[in-house]
C-alpha atoms as a PDB file:
ATOM      1  CA  MET A   1      -8.184 -78.669   8.570  1.00  0.00           C
ATOM      2  CA  SER A   2      -9.557 -75.628   7.297  1.00  0.00           C
ATOM      3  CA  ARG A   3     -10.962 -72.625   9.210  1.00  0.00           C
ATOM      4  CA  TYR A   4     -13.497 -70.027   8.232  1.00  0.00           C
ATOM      5  CA  TYR A   5     -12.950 -66.347   9.359  1.00  0.00           C
ATOM      6  CA  TRP A   6     -16.097 -64.227   9.529  1.00  0.00           C
ATOM      7  CA  ASP A   7     -13.751 -60.941   8.682  1.00  0.00           C
ATOM      8  CA  LYS A   8     -12.049 -62.811   5.648  1.00  0.00           C
ATOM      9  CA  LYS A   9     -11.472 -60.364   2.690  1.00  0.00           C
ATOM     10  CA  ASP A  10     -13.171 -60.928  -0.766  1.00  0.00           C
ATOM     11  CA  THR A  11     -10.684 -62.263  -2.975  1.00  0.00           C
ATOM     12  CA  VAL A  12     -10.831 -62.142  -7.089  1.00  0.00           C
ATOM     13  CA  GLU A  13     -11.925 -65.979  -7.100  1.00  0.00           C
ATOM     14  CA  ASP A  14     -14.999 -64.962  -4.689  1.00  0.00           C
ATOM     15  CA  CYS A  15     -16.148 -62.693  -7.570  1.00  0.00           C
ATOM     16  CA  ARG A  16     -18.792 -63.080 -10.322  1.00  0.00           C
ATOM     17  CA  SER A  17     -18.517 -61.803 -13.380  1.00  0.00           C
ATOM     18  CA  ILE A  18     -21.014 -61.460 -16.328  1.00  0.00           C
ATOM     19  CA  GLY A  19     -19.875 -60.455 -19.958  1.00  0.00           C
ATOM     20  CA  ILE A  20     -21.377 -59.047 -22.956  1.00  0.00           C
ATOM     21  CA  PRO A  21     -20.758 -62.078 -24.974  1.00  0.00           C
ATOM     22  CA  PHE A  22     -22.498 -64.221 -22.464  1.00  0.00           C
ATOM     23  CA  LEU A  23     -25.569 -61.780 -22.475  1.00  0.00           C
ATOM     24  CA  LYS A  24     -25.292 -62.035 -26.454  1.00  0.00           C
ATOM     25  CA  LYS A  25     -25.434 -65.884 -26.166  1.00  0.00           C
ATOM     26  CA  GLN A  26     -28.129 -65.975 -23.945  1.00  0.00           C
ATOM     27  CA  GLY A  27     -30.375 -63.562 -26.173  1.00  0.00           C
ATOM     28  CA  PHE A  28     -30.364 -60.692 -23.909  1.00  0.00           C
ATOM     29  CA  PHE A  29     -29.988 -58.147 -26.730  1.00  0.00           C
ATOM     30  CA  CYS A  30     -33.482 -58.495 -28.647  1.00  0.00           C
ATOM     31  CA  GLY A  31     -35.425 -55.602 -27.726  1.00  0.00           C
ATOM     32  CA  HIS A  32     -36.262 -55.597 -23.899  1.00  0.00           C
ATOM     33  CA  LYS A  33     -35.417 -58.660 -21.924  1.00  0.00           C
ATOM     34  CA  TYR A  34     -35.518 -59.671 -18.013  1.00  0.00           C
ATOM     35  CA  GLY A  35     -33.729 -62.679 -16.732  1.00  0.00           C
ATOM     36  CA  ARG A  36     -32.013 -64.153 -13.650  1.00  0.00           C
ATOM     37  CA  ILE A  37     -28.451 -65.736 -13.796  1.00  0.00           C
ATOM     38  CA  THR A  38     -27.567 -67.996 -10.717  1.00  0.00           C
ATOM     39  CA  TRP A  39     -24.144 -69.543  -9.800  1.00  0.00           C
ATOM     40  CA  SER A  40     -24.097 -73.102  -7.979  1.00  0.00           C
ATOM     41  CA  LYS A  41     -21.585 -74.995  -6.199  1.00  0.00           C
ATOM     42  CA  GLY A  42     -22.721 -78.295  -6.392  1.00  0.00           C
ATOM     43  CA  GLU A  43     -26.387 -78.449  -5.678  1.00  0.00           C
ATOM     44  CA  LYS A  44     -26.456 -75.469  -3.681  1.00  0.00           C
ATOM     45  CA  GLU A  45     -27.230 -72.120  -5.424  1.00  0.00           C
ATOM     46  CA  VAL A  46     -24.541 -69.445  -4.061  1.00  0.00           C
ATOM     47  CA  ALA A  47     -25.334 -66.395  -5.712  1.00  0.00           C
ATOM     48  CA  SER A  48     -28.043 -64.822  -8.217  1.00  0.00           C
ATOM     49  CA  ILE A  49     -28.433 -61.734 -10.246  1.00  0.00           C
ATOM     50  CA  GLY A  50     -31.425 -59.941 -11.623  1.00  0.00           C
ATOM     51  CA  ILE A  51     -30.585 -58.315 -15.509  1.00  0.00           C
ATOM     52  CA  THR A  52     -32.474 -56.329 -17.556  1.00  0.00           C
ATOM     53  CA  VAL A  53     -31.364 -55.481 -20.986  1.00  0.00           C
ATOM     54  CA  SER A  54     -33.023 -52.537 -23.137  1.00  0.00           C
ATOM     55  CA  ILE A  55     -32.007 -51.817 -26.624  1.00  0.00           C
ATOM     56  CA  LEU A  56     -35.382 -50.564 -28.027  1.00  0.00           C
ATOM     57  CA  ASN A  57     -34.394 -46.780 -28.103  1.00  0.00           C
ATOM     58  CA  ASP A  58     -31.158 -45.032 -28.328  1.00  0.00           C
ATOM     59  CA  ASP A  59     -30.552 -44.904 -24.614  1.00  0.00           C
ATOM     60  CA  GLY A  60     -30.052 -48.689 -24.529  1.00  0.00           C
ATOM     61  CA  TYR A  61     -28.888 -49.924 -21.080  1.00  0.00           C
ATOM     62  CA  VAL A  62     -28.098 -52.977 -18.816  1.00  0.00           C
ATOM     63  CA  LYS A  63     -29.430 -53.246 -15.454  1.00  0.00           C
ATOM     64  CA  PHE A  64     -28.325 -55.346 -12.519  1.00  0.00           C
ATOM     65  CA  ASN A  65     -30.554 -56.069  -9.467  1.00  0.00           C
ATOM     66  CA  TYR A  66     -28.671 -57.961  -6.529  1.00  0.00           C
ATOM     67  CA  THR A  67     -28.595 -57.981  -2.534  1.00  0.00           C
ATOM     68  CA  THR A  68     -25.291 -58.254  -0.758  1.00  0.00           C
ATOM     69  CA  THR A  69     -24.668 -59.117   2.590  1.00  0.00           C
ATOM     70  CA  HIS A  70     -22.181 -57.760   4.965  1.00  0.00           C
ATOM     71  CA  ARG A  71     -20.186 -60.789   6.455  1.00  0.00           C
ATOM     72  CA  SER A  72     -19.705 -59.559  10.063  1.00  0.00           C
ATOM     73  CA  THR A  73     -22.822 -57.942  10.294  1.00  0.00           C
ATOM     74  CA  GLY A  74     -25.569 -59.600   8.163  1.00  0.00           C
ATOM     75  CA  GLU A  75     -26.753 -56.403   7.021  1.00  0.00           C
ATOM     76  CA  LYS A  76     -28.440 -56.515   3.445  1.00  0.00           C
ATOM     77  CA  THR A  77     -28.057 -54.156   0.891  1.00  0.00           C
ATOM     78  CA  VAL A  78     -30.058 -53.885  -2.241  1.00  0.00           C
ATOM     79  CA  ASN A  79     -28.167 -52.758  -5.297  1.00  0.00           C
ATOM     80  CA  ASP A  80     -29.813 -51.611  -8.523  1.00  0.00           C
ATOM     81  CA  TYR A  81     -27.025 -50.786 -10.779  1.00  0.00           C
ATOM     82  CA  LYS A  82     -27.816 -49.387 -14.347  1.00  0.00           C
ATOM     83  CA  VAL A  83     -25.248 -49.285 -17.331  1.00  0.00           C
ATOM     84  CA  SER A  84     -25.628 -47.389 -20.509  1.00  0.00           C
ATOM     85  CA  LEU A  85     -25.036 -48.840 -23.501  1.00  0.00           C
ATOM     86  CA  THR A  86     -23.391 -47.296 -26.910  1.00  0.00           C
ATOM     87  CA  ILE A  87     -24.888 -49.144 -29.856  1.00  0.00           C
ATOM     88  CA  PRO A  88     -22.788 -48.959 -32.766  1.00  0.00           C
ATOM     89  CA  LEU A  89     -24.713 -47.595 -35.932  1.00  0.00           C
ATOM     90  CA  PRO A  90     -24.417 -49.994 -38.946  1.00  0.00           C
ATOM     91  CA  MET A  91     -21.532 -49.257 -41.064  1.00  0.00           C
ATOM     92  CA  ALA A  92     -22.545 -46.824 -44.195  1.00  0.00           C
ATOM     93  CA  LYS A  93     -22.253 -48.365 -47.748  1.00  0.00           C
END
């Protein structure tokens, strides 16, 4: 019989990840696009994140919007995390 502890520490297995190849496969690098990615366990959604990708200008970025909930207090924190992209220039001929 397993037990759940409220003070349980997060493990690597608890973390979600999103990579550039996944975003490219999903068509995010086509100018300016917004989308939502969800993770499920069976029929139940267990996590989601909003993603905005913009490569219209020289200052390309990926922006992540998500909410985290502290396990012991239930306090929610809204996160808005922006990552700058370095877009390589086309190779000179």
